[in-house]
């Protein structure tokens, strides 16, 4: 004879906050412990990056930009010694950056980075007297075969972060990317990695493509590559930033691309002109609905699953999203 199934009412969550409707679902102690585990030790400094403006290291206004005097709403700047300058100009560029660093305020909300050209240039930069005034370095064309050469330039006590740039032929190979990820998980490397940058134009160059005006990066073959990189790196705690949009007067395309960046799990975006900065950073403001749902999801008194704004909210699976939404709102604000 089949046993009768009886539902224990003590295992059903029945309360929800204002604006949230409870859905029938079992609540277990494991869900609560999973939430705490998901939130601990999460480094979200990458959320401060916003639009990262790349500035050639040869410019004569590095001090004004680096101190936040010239572009006060800029959140991160990258002084470039790589593709934006000629190889013959490198000695001058390094002297120029050296001089500018000595004139920069040590404390500022602006995050400052140097995009080095090679491990040798990184070594030279690390010896500059004012190098403590930068937050870190952007490492170009990183592969499984050169990352240790880059990282060996740092002393253990150096406080600098790095942003790894994936922009070589190897980036298209999922196996190569998995091997690189595993190497980057080594503690001496992992602790320095603030973000992974995707070099869109370099990757398109391997395909012989330059995207047309009006098309986002997701209208090109790189849509697959970006999805693959997110799947390989993000589950292991690495943030990825979005490639640059080449067209400076294509606001609608840039806005659409920023939305698709976030839909693909990317945060932060390269900017090549100051007029792109405010447009990009405006897309990082969160909606009032998302902010209220995020707060409810992180509220320990809420049930295991509930309905809010006609959306299912399940803390066990939405906790990381909710934590990031609240952190973003603290930095970029929210809108109705």
C-alpha atoms as a PDB file:
ATOM      1  CA  UNK A   1       0.000   0.000   0.000  1.00  0.00           C
ATOM      2  CA  UNK A   2       1.405   3.402  -0.982  1.00  0.00           C
ATOM      3  CA  UNK A   3       2.213   5.714   1.877  1.00  0.00           C
ATOM      4  CA  UNK A   4       0.260   8.950   2.142  1.00  0.00           C
ATOM      5  CA  UNK A   5       2.380  12.035   1.555  1.00  0.00           C
ATOM      6  CA  UNK A   6       1.882  14.702   4.208  1.00  0.00           C
ATOM      7  CA  UNK A   7       3.250  18.202   3.826  1.00  0.00           C
ATOM      8  CA  UNK A   8       4.898  19.616   6.948  1.00  0.00           C
ATOM      9  CA  UNK A   9       3.691  23.222   7.134  1.00  0.00           C
ATOM     10  CA  UNK A  10       6.749  24.261   9.151  1.00  0.00           C
ATOM     11  CA  UNK A  11       8.892  23.817   6.012  1.00  0.00           C
ATOM     12  CA  UNK A  12       6.907  26.263   3.870  1.00  0.00           C
ATOM     13  CA  UNK A  13       7.809  29.941   3.813  1.00  0.00           C
ATOM     14  CA  UNK A  14       4.691  32.079   4.106  1.00  0.00           C
ATOM     15  CA  UNK A  15       5.888  35.622   4.788  1.00  0.00           C
ATOM     16  CA  UNK A  16       7.144  38.297   2.401  1.00  0.00           C
ATOM     17  CA  UNK A  17       7.904  41.968   2.650  1.00  0.00           C
ATOM     18  CA  UNK A  18       5.734  44.706   1.190  1.00  0.00           C
ATOM     19  CA  UNK A  19       5.673  44.516  -2.596  1.00  0.00           C
ATOM     20  CA  UNK A  20       6.862  40.902  -2.682  1.00  0.00           C
ATOM     21  CA  UNK A  21       4.500  37.965  -3.135  1.00  0.00           C
ATOM     22  CA  UNK A  22       5.531  34.593  -1.707  1.00  0.00           C
ATOM     23  CA  UNK A  23       5.668  31.609  -4.040  1.00  0.00           C
ATOM     24  CA  UNK A  24       5.188  28.094  -2.618  1.00  0.00           C
ATOM     25  CA  UNK A  25       8.657  26.636  -2.192  1.00  0.00           C
ATOM     26  CA  UNK A  26      10.491  24.627   0.448  1.00  0.00           C
ATOM     27  CA  UNK A  27      12.946  26.603   2.573  1.00  0.00           C
ATOM     28  CA  UNK A  28      16.021  24.766   3.850  1.00  0.00           C
ATOM     29  CA  UNK A  29      18.880  25.724   6.180  1.00  0.00           C
ATOM     30  CA  UNK A  30      21.327  25.000   3.325  1.00  0.00           C
ATOM     31  CA  UNK A  31      20.017  27.973   1.367  1.00  0.00           C
ATOM     32  CA  UNK A  32      20.959  30.393   4.123  1.00  0.00           C
ATOM     33  CA  UNK A  33      24.496  29.037   4.471  1.00  0.00           C
ATOM     34  CA  UNK A  34      24.937  29.124   0.693  1.00  0.00           C
ATOM     35  CA  UNK A  35      24.015  32.802   0.680  1.00  0.00           C
ATOM     36  CA  UNK A  36      26.611  33.654   3.296  1.00  0.00           C
ATOM     37  CA  UNK A  37      29.285  31.693   1.454  1.00  0.00           C
ATOM     38  CA  UNK A  38      28.520  33.416  -1.850  1.00  0.00           C
ATOM     39  CA  UNK A  39      28.955  36.886  -0.383  1.00  0.00           C
ATOM     40  CA  UNK A  40      32.175  36.434   1.566  1.00  0.00           C
ATOM     41  CA  UNK A  41      35.558  37.487   0.249  1.00  0.00           C
ATOM     42  CA  UNK A  42      34.131  38.978  -2.951  1.00  0.00           C
ATOM     43  CA  UNK A  43      36.415  41.717  -4.266  1.00  0.00           C
ATOM     44  CA  UNK A  44      34.291  44.224  -6.173  1.00  0.00           C
ATOM     45  CA  UNK A  45      36.884  46.971  -6.696  1.00  0.00           C
ATOM     46  CA  UNK A  46      36.411  46.486 -10.437  1.00  0.00           C
ATOM     47  CA  UNK A  47      33.046  48.233 -10.117  1.00  0.00           C
ATOM     48  CA  UNK A  48      34.921  51.496  -9.628  1.00  0.00           C
ATOM     49  CA  UNK A  49      36.484  51.277 -13.095  1.00  0.00           C
ATOM     50  CA  UNK A  50      33.505  52.622 -15.043  1.00  0.00           C
ATOM     51  CA  UNK A  51      34.707  53.876 -18.401  1.00  0.00           C
ATOM     52  CA  UNK A  52      38.495  53.456 -18.594  1.00  0.00           C
ATOM     53  CA  UNK A  53      39.874  56.229 -20.799  1.00  0.00           C
ATOM     54  CA  UNK A  54      43.045  55.279 -22.676  1.00  0.00           C
ATOM     55  CA  UNK A  55      45.437  58.226 -22.945  1.00  0.00           C
ATOM     56  CA  UNK A  56      48.684  58.124 -24.956  1.00  0.00           C
ATOM     57  CA  UNK A  57      51.638  58.527 -22.618  1.00  0.00           C
ATOM     58  CA  UNK A  58      53.073  61.157 -24.947  1.00  0.00           C
ATOM     59  CA  UNK A  59      50.442  63.784 -24.065  1.00  0.00           C
ATOM     60  CA  UNK A  60      51.503  66.932 -22.221  1.00  0.00           C
ATOM     61  CA  UNK A  61      48.455  66.996 -19.929  1.00  0.00           C
ATOM     62  CA  UNK A  62      48.943  63.716 -18.032  1.00  0.00           C
ATOM     63  CA  UNK A  63      49.224  65.579 -14.721  1.00  0.00           C
ATOM     64  CA  UNK A  64      45.919  67.394 -15.249  1.00  0.00           C
ATOM     65  CA  UNK A  65      44.142  64.187 -16.262  1.00  0.00           C
ATOM     66  CA  UNK A  66      45.740  62.052 -13.544  1.00  0.00           C
ATOM     67  CA  UNK A  67      44.792  64.502 -10.781  1.00  0.00           C
ATOM     68  CA  UNK A  68      41.195  64.650 -11.980  1.00  0.00           C
ATOM     69  CA  UNK A  69      41.385  68.346 -12.836  1.00  0.00           C
ATOM     70  CA  UNK A  70      40.685  68.028 -16.547  1.00  0.00           C
ATOM     71  CA  UNK A  71      38.055  65.253 -16.608  1.00  0.00           C
ATOM     72  CA  UNK A  72      36.500  65.295 -13.125  1.00  0.00           C
ATOM     73  CA  UNK A  73      33.855  62.610 -13.810  1.00  0.00           C
ATOM     74  CA  UNK A  74      36.402  60.109 -15.094  1.00  0.00           C
ATOM     75  CA  UNK A  75      36.703  57.054 -12.819  1.00  0.00           C
ATOM     76  CA  UNK A  76      39.738  55.306 -14.326  1.00  0.00           C
ATOM     77  CA  UNK A  77      42.489  56.300 -16.719  1.00  0.00           C
ATOM     78  CA  UNK A  78      45.125  54.246 -18.521  1.00  0.00           C
ATOM     79  CA  UNK A  79      48.354  55.959 -19.575  1.00  0.00           C
ATOM     80  CA  UNK A  80      49.379  53.980 -22.628  1.00  0.00           C
ATOM     81  CA  UNK A  81      52.893  53.053 -23.744  1.00  0.00           C
ATOM     82  CA  UNK A  82      51.746  50.427 -26.224  1.00  0.00           C
ATOM     83  CA  UNK A  83      49.693  50.641 -29.435  1.00  0.00           C
ATOM     84  CA  UNK A  84      48.937  54.367 -29.117  1.00  0.00           C
ATOM     85  CA  UNK A  85      52.599  55.383 -29.343  1.00  0.00           C
ATOM     86  CA  UNK A  86      55.387  54.588 -31.794  1.00  0.00           C
ATOM     87  CA  UNK A  87      58.162  52.306 -30.625  1.00  0.00           C
ATOM     88  CA  UNK A  88      60.728  55.011 -31.408  1.00  0.00           C
ATOM     89  CA  UNK A  89      58.963  57.330 -28.941  1.00  0.00           C
ATOM     90  CA  UNK A  90      59.064  54.956 -25.965  1.00  0.00           C
ATOM     91  CA  UNK A  91      62.053  56.612 -24.188  1.00  0.00           C
ATOM     92  CA  UNK A  92      60.301  59.992 -24.350  1.00  0.00           C
ATOM     93  CA  UNK A  93      56.939  58.512 -23.296  1.00  0.00           C
ATOM     94  CA  UNK A  94      58.458  56.869 -20.219  1.00  0.00           C
ATOM     95  CA  UNK A  95      60.200  60.110 -19.213  1.00  0.00           C
ATOM     96  CA  UNK A  96      56.937  61.968 -19.715  1.00  0.00           C
ATOM     97  CA  UNK A  97      54.980  59.558 -17.510  1.00  0.00           C
ATOM     98  CA  UNK A  98      57.770  59.644 -14.920  1.00  0.00           C
ATOM     99  CA  UNK A  99      57.563  63.442 -14.689  1.00  0.00           C
ATOM    100  CA  UNK A 100      53.768  63.422 -14.510  1.00  0.00           C
ATOM    101  CA  UNK A 101      53.625  60.814 -11.733  1.00  0.00           C
ATOM    102  CA  UNK A 102      55.747  63.004  -9.463  1.00  0.00           C
ATOM    103  CA  UNK A 103      53.133  65.760  -9.803  1.00  0.00           C
ATOM    104  CA  UNK A 104      50.104  63.580  -9.067  1.00  0.00           C
ATOM    105  CA  UNK A 105      48.257  63.645  -5.775  1.00  0.00           C
ATOM    106  CA  UNK A 106      48.701  60.355  -3.919  1.00  0.00           C
ATOM    107  CA  UNK A 107      45.045  60.236  -2.837  1.00  0.00           C
ATOM    108  CA  UNK A 108      42.271  60.533  -5.408  1.00  0.00           C
ATOM    109  CA  UNK A 109      39.040  58.792  -6.391  1.00  0.00           C
ATOM    110  CA  UNK A 110      40.434  58.363  -9.911  1.00  0.00           C
ATOM    111  CA  UNK A 111      41.991  54.944 -10.534  1.00  0.00           C
ATOM    112  CA  UNK A 112      45.264  55.295 -12.480  1.00  0.00           C
ATOM    113  CA  UNK A 113      46.985  52.623 -14.528  1.00  0.00           C
ATOM    114  CA  UNK A 114      49.890  52.376 -16.950  1.00  0.00           C
ATOM    115  CA  UNK A 115      49.526  50.157 -19.979  1.00  0.00           C
ATOM    116  CA  UNK A 116      53.024  48.807 -20.406  1.00  0.00           C
ATOM    117  CA  UNK A 117      54.466  47.565 -23.652  1.00  0.00           C
ATOM    118  CA  UNK A 118      56.414  44.545 -22.403  1.00  0.00           C
ATOM    119  CA  UNK A 119      57.789  42.997 -19.203  1.00  0.00           C
ATOM    120  CA  UNK A 120      60.900  45.130 -19.706  1.00  0.00           C
ATOM    121  CA  UNK A 121      58.845  48.345 -19.806  1.00  0.00           C
ATOM    122  CA  UNK A 122      56.956  47.169 -16.717  1.00  0.00           C
ATOM    123  CA  UNK A 123      60.286  46.767 -14.939  1.00  0.00           C
ATOM    124  CA  UNK A 124      61.280  50.315 -15.913  1.00  0.00           C
ATOM    125  CA  UNK A 125      57.967  51.716 -14.693  1.00  0.00           C
ATOM    126  CA  UNK A 126      58.281  49.977 -11.343  1.00  0.00           C
ATOM    127  CA  UNK A 127      61.533  51.871 -10.766  1.00  0.00           C
ATOM    128  CA  UNK A 128      59.975  55.318 -11.302  1.00  0.00           C
ATOM    129  CA  UNK A 129      60.097  57.488  -8.154  1.00  0.00           C
ATOM    130  CA  UNK A 130      56.380  58.340  -8.304  1.00  0.00           C
ATOM    131  CA  UNK A 131      55.098  54.901  -9.239  1.00  0.00           C
ATOM    132  CA  UNK A 132      53.260  54.590  -5.914  1.00  0.00           C
ATOM    133  CA  UNK A 133      50.757  57.107  -7.340  1.00  0.00           C
ATOM    134  CA  UNK A 134      49.271  54.526  -9.707  1.00  0.00           C
ATOM    135  CA  UNK A 135      46.858  51.745  -8.785  1.00  0.00           C
ATOM    136  CA  UNK A 136      48.364  49.249 -11.182  1.00  0.00           C
ATOM    137  CA  UNK A 137      49.167  48.207 -14.704  1.00  0.00           C
ATOM    138  CA  UNK A 138      47.432  46.993 -17.840  1.00  0.00           C
ATOM    139  CA  UNK A 139      49.376  44.074 -19.292  1.00  0.00           C
ATOM    140  CA  UNK A 140      48.946  43.734 -23.077  1.00  0.00           C
ATOM    141  CA  UNK A 141      48.761  40.610 -25.200  1.00  0.00           C
ATOM    142  CA  UNK A 142      48.953  38.239 -22.252  1.00  0.00           C
ATOM    143  CA  UNK A 143      49.245  34.538 -23.012  1.00  0.00           C
ATOM    144  CA  UNK A 144      49.963  31.322 -21.186  1.00  0.00           C
ATOM    145  CA  UNK A 145      53.591  31.743 -22.269  1.00  0.00           C
ATOM    146  CA  UNK A 146      54.366  35.280 -21.066  1.00  0.00           C
ATOM    147  CA  UNK A 147      52.206  35.903 -17.999  1.00  0.00           C
ATOM    148  CA  UNK A 148      54.818  34.632 -15.549  1.00  0.00           C
ATOM    149  CA  UNK A 149      57.439  36.881 -17.111  1.00  0.00           C
ATOM    150  CA  UNK A 150      55.151  39.850 -16.441  1.00  0.00           C
ATOM    151  CA  UNK A 151      54.272  38.806 -12.912  1.00  0.00           C
ATOM    152  CA  UNK A 152      57.882  38.097 -11.963  1.00  0.00           C
ATOM    153  CA  UNK A 153      58.611  41.841 -12.197  1.00  0.00           C
ATOM    154  CA  UNK A 154      56.658  42.485  -8.997  1.00  0.00           C
ATOM    155  CA  UNK A 155      58.034  42.155  -5.504  1.00  0.00           C
ATOM    156  CA  UNK A 156      55.761  40.383  -3.075  1.00  0.00           C
ATOM    157  CA  UNK A 157      55.159  43.590  -1.119  1.00  0.00           C
ATOM    158  CA  UNK A 158      54.210  45.656  -4.192  1.00  0.00           C
ATOM    159  CA  UNK A 159      50.588  46.844  -3.807  1.00  0.00           C
ATOM    160  CA  UNK A 160      49.806  47.094  -7.512  1.00  0.00           C
ATOM    161  CA  UNK A 161      46.872  45.482  -9.283  1.00  0.00           C
ATOM    162  CA  UNK A 162      46.978  44.296 -12.873  1.00  0.00           C
ATOM    163  CA  UNK A 163      44.458  44.133 -15.664  1.00  0.00           C
ATOM    164  CA  UNK A 164      45.201  41.296 -18.050  1.00  0.00           C
ATOM    165  CA  UNK A 165      44.450  41.994 -21.725  1.00  0.00           C
ATOM    166  CA  UNK A 166      43.398  39.115 -23.973  1.00  0.00           C
ATOM    167  CA  UNK A 167      44.059  40.158 -27.562  1.00  0.00           C
ATOM    168  CA  UNK A 168      46.226  37.499 -29.219  1.00  0.00           C
ATOM    169  CA  UNK A 169      45.412  34.623 -31.538  1.00  0.00           C
ATOM    170  CA  UNK A 170      45.355  32.268 -28.544  1.00  0.00           C
ATOM    171  CA  UNK A 171      42.278  34.078 -27.222  1.00  0.00           C
ATOM    172  CA  UNK A 172      40.124  32.208 -29.757  1.00  0.00           C
ATOM    173  CA  UNK A 173      41.176  28.823 -28.350  1.00  0.00           C
ATOM    174  CA  UNK A 174      39.005  27.665 -25.389  1.00  0.00           C
ATOM    175  CA  UNK A 175      41.594  25.111 -24.278  1.00  0.00           C
ATOM    176  CA  UNK A 176      44.346  27.729 -24.221  1.00  0.00           C
ATOM    177  CA  UNK A 177      42.094  30.062 -22.225  1.00  0.00           C
ATOM    178  CA  UNK A 178      41.299  27.360 -19.676  1.00  0.00           C
ATOM    179  CA  UNK A 179      45.003  26.672 -19.189  1.00  0.00           C
ATOM    180  CA  UNK A 180      45.668  30.407 -18.786  1.00  0.00           C
ATOM    181  CA  UNK A 181      42.833  30.675 -16.266  1.00  0.00           C
ATOM    182  CA  UNK A 182      44.231  27.812 -14.220  1.00  0.00           C
ATOM    183  CA  UNK A 183      47.610  29.523 -14.147  1.00  0.00           C
ATOM    184  CA  UNK A 184      45.987  32.819 -13.134  1.00  0.00           C
ATOM    185  CA  UNK A 185      44.345  31.055 -10.195  1.00  0.00           C
ATOM    186  CA  UNK A 186      47.748  30.596  -8.580  1.00  0.00           C
ATOM    187  CA  UNK A 187      47.657  32.784  -5.445  1.00  0.00           C
ATOM    188  CA  UNK A 188      50.598  35.022  -6.385  1.00  0.00           C
ATOM    189  CA  UNK A 189      48.857  35.938  -9.659  1.00  0.00           C
ATOM    190  CA  UNK A 190      45.207  35.806  -8.646  1.00  0.00           C
ATOM    191  CA  UNK A 191      45.586  38.307  -5.814  1.00  0.00           C
ATOM    192  CA  UNK A 192      46.774  40.980  -8.245  1.00  0.00           C
ATOM    193  CA  UNK A 193      44.218  40.545 -11.031  1.00  0.00           C
ATOM    194  CA  UNK A 194      41.634  43.324 -10.850  1.00  0.00           C
ATOM    195  CA  UNK A 195      40.046  42.539 -14.190  1.00  0.00           C
ATOM    196  CA  UNK A 196      40.511  40.952 -17.587  1.00  0.00           C
ATOM    197  CA  UNK A 197      40.235  43.281 -20.556  1.00  0.00           C
ATOM    198  CA  UNK A 198      39.148  42.052 -23.993  1.00  0.00           C
ATOM    199  CA  UNK A 199      41.082  43.627 -26.862  1.00  0.00           C
ATOM    200  CA  UNK A 200      38.318  43.770 -29.438  1.00  0.00           C
ATOM    201  CA  UNK A 201      40.149  45.508 -32.269  1.00  0.00           C
ATOM    202  CA  UNK A 202      43.200  43.262 -32.052  1.00  0.00           C
ATOM    203  CA  UNK A 203      40.953  40.207 -32.141  1.00  0.00           C
ATOM    204  CA  UNK A 204      38.951  41.541 -35.089  1.00  0.00           C
ATOM    205  CA  UNK A 205      42.236  42.202 -36.878  1.00  0.00           C
ATOM    206  CA  UNK A 206      42.993  38.463 -36.785  1.00  0.00           C
ATOM    207  CA  UNK A 207      39.685  37.945 -38.586  1.00  0.00           C
ATOM    208  CA  UNK A 208      40.350  40.681 -41.123  1.00  0.00           C
ATOM    209  CA  UNK A 209      37.286  42.580 -39.905  1.00  0.00           C
ATOM    210  CA  UNK A 210      36.547  46.122 -38.864  1.00  0.00           C
ATOM    211  CA  UNK A 211      32.963  46.483 -37.726  1.00  0.00           C
ATOM    212  CA  UNK A 212      30.731  48.875 -39.590  1.00  0.00           C
ATOM    213  CA  UNK A 213      29.121  51.937 -38.120  1.00  0.00           C
ATOM    214  CA  UNK A 214      25.839  51.119 -36.390  1.00  0.00           C
ATOM    215  CA  UNK A 215      26.871  47.584 -35.440  1.00  0.00           C
ATOM    216  CA  UNK A 216      27.756  46.539 -31.909  1.00  0.00           C
ATOM    217  CA  UNK A 217      30.597  44.159 -31.160  1.00  0.00           C
ATOM    218  CA  UNK A 218      27.901  41.509 -30.689  1.00  0.00           C
ATOM    219  CA  UNK A 219      26.982  41.780 -34.364  1.00  0.00           C
ATOM    220  CA  UNK A 220      30.415  40.361 -35.222  1.00  0.00           C
ATOM    221  CA  UNK A 221      32.025  36.938 -34.735  1.00  0.00           C
ATOM    222  CA  UNK A 222      33.451  38.219 -31.431  1.00  0.00           C
ATOM    223  CA  UNK A 223      30.040  37.674 -29.841  1.00  0.00           C
ATOM    224  CA  UNK A 224      30.935  33.981 -29.574  1.00  0.00           C
ATOM    225  CA  UNK A 225      34.446  34.731 -28.317  1.00  0.00           C
ATOM    226  CA  UNK A 226      33.182  37.065 -25.598  1.00  0.00           C
ATOM    227  CA  UNK A 227      30.634  34.487 -24.436  1.00  0.00           C
ATOM    228  CA  UNK A 228      33.335  31.836 -24.304  1.00  0.00           C
ATOM    229  CA  UNK A 229      35.687  34.057 -22.284  1.00  0.00           C
ATOM    230  CA  UNK A 230      32.955  34.918 -19.785  1.00  0.00           C
ATOM    231  CA  UNK A 231      32.162  31.216 -19.359  1.00  0.00           C
ATOM    232  CA  UNK A 232      35.816  30.314 -18.859  1.00  0.00           C
ATOM    233  CA  UNK A 233      36.853  33.093 -16.464  1.00  0.00           C
ATOM    234  CA  UNK A 234      33.881  34.584 -14.637  1.00  0.00           C
ATOM    235  CA  UNK A 235      32.772  31.482 -12.660  1.00  0.00           C
ATOM    236  CA  UNK A 236      36.258  31.514 -11.124  1.00  0.00           C
ATOM    237  CA  UNK A 237      35.980  35.055  -9.792  1.00  0.00           C
ATOM    238  CA  UNK A 238      37.499  37.097 -12.627  1.00  0.00           C
ATOM    239  CA  UNK A 239      35.711  40.205 -13.868  1.00  0.00           C
ATOM    240  CA  UNK A 240      35.903  40.941 -17.591  1.00  0.00           C
ATOM    241  CA  UNK A 241      35.619  44.395 -19.137  1.00  0.00           C
ATOM    242  CA  UNK A 242      34.120  45.205 -22.518  1.00  0.00           C
ATOM    243  CA  UNK A 243      35.918  46.180 -25.729  1.00  0.00           C
ATOM    244  CA  UNK A 244      35.984  49.708 -27.055  1.00  0.00           C
ATOM    245  CA  UNK A 245      33.366  51.153 -29.392  1.00  0.00           C
ATOM    246  CA  UNK A 246      35.323  52.788 -32.229  1.00  0.00           C
ATOM    247  CA  UNK A 247      32.782  55.392 -33.291  1.00  0.00           C
ATOM    248  CA  UNK A 248      32.775  58.537 -31.173  1.00  0.00           C
ATOM    249  CA  UNK A 249      29.556  60.021 -32.572  1.00  0.00           C
ATOM    250  CA  UNK A 250      27.429  56.876 -32.429  1.00  0.00           C
ATOM    251  CA  UNK A 251      25.689  57.366 -29.082  1.00  0.00           C
ATOM    252  CA  UNK A 252      22.786  55.005 -29.800  1.00  0.00           C
ATOM    253  CA  UNK A 253      25.150  52.196 -30.784  1.00  0.00           C
ATOM    254  CA  UNK A 254      27.306  52.791 -27.705  1.00  0.00           C
ATOM    255  CA  UNK A 255      24.275  52.684 -25.388  1.00  0.00           C
ATOM    256  CA  UNK A 256      23.006  49.487 -26.980  1.00  0.00           C
ATOM    257  CA  UNK A 257      26.460  47.928 -26.745  1.00  0.00           C
ATOM    258  CA  UNK A 258      26.744  48.828 -23.044  1.00  0.00           C
ATOM    259  CA  UNK A 259      23.436  47.068 -22.396  1.00  0.00           C
ATOM    260  CA  UNK A 260      24.664  43.986 -24.253  1.00  0.00           C
ATOM    261  CA  UNK A 261      27.966  44.125 -22.358  1.00  0.00           C
ATOM    262  CA  UNK A 262      26.072  43.803 -19.100  1.00  0.00           C
ATOM    263  CA  UNK A 263      23.782  41.108 -20.492  1.00  0.00           C
ATOM    264  CA  UNK A 264      26.939  39.109 -21.268  1.00  0.00           C
ATOM    265  CA  UNK A 265      28.315  39.575 -17.745  1.00  0.00           C
ATOM    266  CA  UNK A 266      30.934  42.237 -18.528  1.00  0.00           C
ATOM    267  CA  UNK A 267      31.512  45.282 -16.352  1.00  0.00           C
ATOM    268  CA  UNK A 268      33.685  48.265 -17.244  1.00  0.00           C
ATOM    269  CA  UNK A 269      34.447  49.424 -20.765  1.00  0.00           C
ATOM    270  CA  UNK A 270      37.352  50.946 -22.633  1.00  0.00           C
ATOM    271  CA  UNK A 271      36.753  54.523 -23.804  1.00  0.00           C
ATOM    272  CA  UNK A 272      38.810  56.217 -26.494  1.00  0.00           C
ATOM    273  CA  UNK A 273      37.309  59.707 -26.228  1.00  0.00           C
ATOM    274  CA  UNK A 274      36.110  61.761 -23.237  1.00  0.00           C
ATOM    275  CA  UNK A 275      32.647  62.171 -24.796  1.00  0.00           C
ATOM    276  CA  UNK A 276      32.112  58.414 -24.370  1.00  0.00           C
ATOM    277  CA  UNK A 277      32.764  58.460 -20.623  1.00  0.00           C
ATOM    278  CA  UNK A 278      29.473  59.900 -19.360  1.00  0.00           C
ATOM    279  CA  UNK A 279      27.459  57.803 -21.822  1.00  0.00           C
ATOM    280  CA  UNK A 280      29.093  54.576 -20.630  1.00  0.00           C
ATOM    281  CA  UNK A 281      28.896  55.382 -16.930  1.00  0.00           C
ATOM    282  CA  UNK A 282      25.231  56.384 -17.169  1.00  0.00           C
ATOM    283  CA  UNK A 283      24.480  52.801 -18.207  1.00  0.00           C
ATOM    284  CA  UNK A 284      25.880  51.562 -14.883  1.00  0.00           C
ATOM    285  CA  UNK A 285      23.169  53.300 -12.871  1.00  0.00           C
ATOM    286  CA  UNK A 286      20.655  50.742 -11.650  1.00  0.00           C
ATOM    287  CA  UNK A 287      16.890  50.900 -11.906  1.00  0.00           C
ATOM    288  CA  UNK A 288      14.782  51.490  -8.810  1.00  0.00           C
ATOM    289  CA  UNK A 289      13.061  48.128  -9.352  1.00  0.00           C
ATOM    290  CA  UNK A 290      16.368  46.242  -9.560  1.00  0.00           C
ATOM    291  CA  UNK A 291      17.648  47.988  -6.451  1.00  0.00           C
ATOM    292  CA  UNK A 292      14.535  47.127  -4.430  1.00  0.00           C
ATOM    293  CA  UNK A 293      14.614  43.505  -5.604  1.00  0.00           C
ATOM    294  CA  UNK A 294      18.323  43.257  -4.763  1.00  0.00           C
ATOM    295  CA  UNK A 295      17.711  44.516  -1.230  1.00  0.00           C
ATOM    296  CA  UNK A 296      14.864  42.028  -0.773  1.00  0.00           C
ATOM    297  CA  UNK A 297      16.989  39.148  -2.086  1.00  0.00           C
ATOM    298  CA  UNK A 298      19.729  39.929   0.441  1.00  0.00           C
ATOM    299  CA  UNK A 299      17.257  40.300   3.321  1.00  0.00           C
ATOM    300  CA  UNK A 300      17.678  37.172   5.523  1.00  0.00           C
ATOM    301  CA  UNK A 301      14.033  37.372   6.567  1.00  0.00           C
ATOM    302  CA  UNK A 302      12.736  36.847   3.032  1.00  0.00           C
ATOM    303  CA  UNK A 303      11.438  33.465   1.852  1.00  0.00           C
ATOM    304  CA  UNK A 304      13.325  31.072  -0.386  1.00  0.00           C
ATOM    305  CA  UNK A 305      11.474  32.318  -3.442  1.00  0.00           C
ATOM    306  CA  UNK A 306       9.095  35.222  -3.940  1.00  0.00           C
ATOM    307  CA  UNK A 307       7.502  37.349  -6.629  1.00  0.00           C
ATOM    308  CA  UNK A 308       8.378  41.014  -6.916  1.00  0.00           C
ATOM    309  CA  UNK A 309       7.669  43.373  -9.828  1.00  0.00           C
ATOM    310  CA  UNK A 310       6.313  40.359 -11.743  1.00  0.00           C
ATOM    311  CA  UNK A 311       9.699  38.675 -11.477  1.00  0.00           C
ATOM    312  CA  UNK A 312      10.696  35.531  -9.625  1.00  0.00           C
ATOM    313  CA  UNK A 313      13.299  36.266  -6.977  1.00  0.00           C
ATOM    314  CA  UNK A 314      15.259  33.318  -5.600  1.00  0.00           C
ATOM    315  CA  UNK A 315      17.996  34.364  -3.145  1.00  0.00           C
ATOM    316  CA  UNK A 316      19.953  31.126  -3.525  1.00  0.00           C
ATOM    317  CA  UNK A 317      20.515  31.787  -7.239  1.00  0.00           C
ATOM    318  CA  UNK A 318      20.316  35.603  -7.408  1.00  0.00           C
ATOM    319  CA  UNK A 319      22.591  36.515  -4.490  1.00  0.00           C
ATOM    320  CA  UNK A 320      25.633  37.475  -6.578  1.00  0.00           C
ATOM    321  CA  UNK A 321      23.517  39.580  -8.928  1.00  0.00           C
ATOM    322  CA  UNK A 322      21.887  41.335  -5.977  1.00  0.00           C
ATOM    323  CA  UNK A 323      25.202  42.074  -4.257  1.00  0.00           C
ATOM    324  CA  UNK A 324      26.575  43.640  -7.426  1.00  0.00           C
ATOM    325  CA  UNK A 325      23.437  45.718  -8.016  1.00  0.00           C
ATOM    326  CA  UNK A 326      23.660  47.243  -4.549  1.00  0.00           C
ATOM    327  CA  UNK A 327      27.399  47.927  -4.918  1.00  0.00           C
ATOM    328  CA  UNK A 328      26.790  49.547  -8.317  1.00  0.00           C
ATOM    329  CA  UNK A 329      24.046  51.747  -6.895  1.00  0.00           C
ATOM    330  CA  UNK A 330      26.413  53.004  -4.209  1.00  0.00           C
ATOM    331  CA  UNK A 331      28.892  54.099  -6.883  1.00  0.00           C
ATOM    332  CA  UNK A 332      26.727  55.153  -9.834  1.00  0.00           C
ATOM    333  CA  UNK A 333      23.336  55.814  -8.257  1.00  0.00           C
ATOM    334  CA  UNK A 334      19.925  54.657  -9.489  1.00  0.00           C
ATOM    335  CA  UNK A 335      17.100  55.893 -11.699  1.00  0.00           C
ATOM    336  CA  UNK A 336      13.340  55.378 -11.766  1.00  0.00           C
END
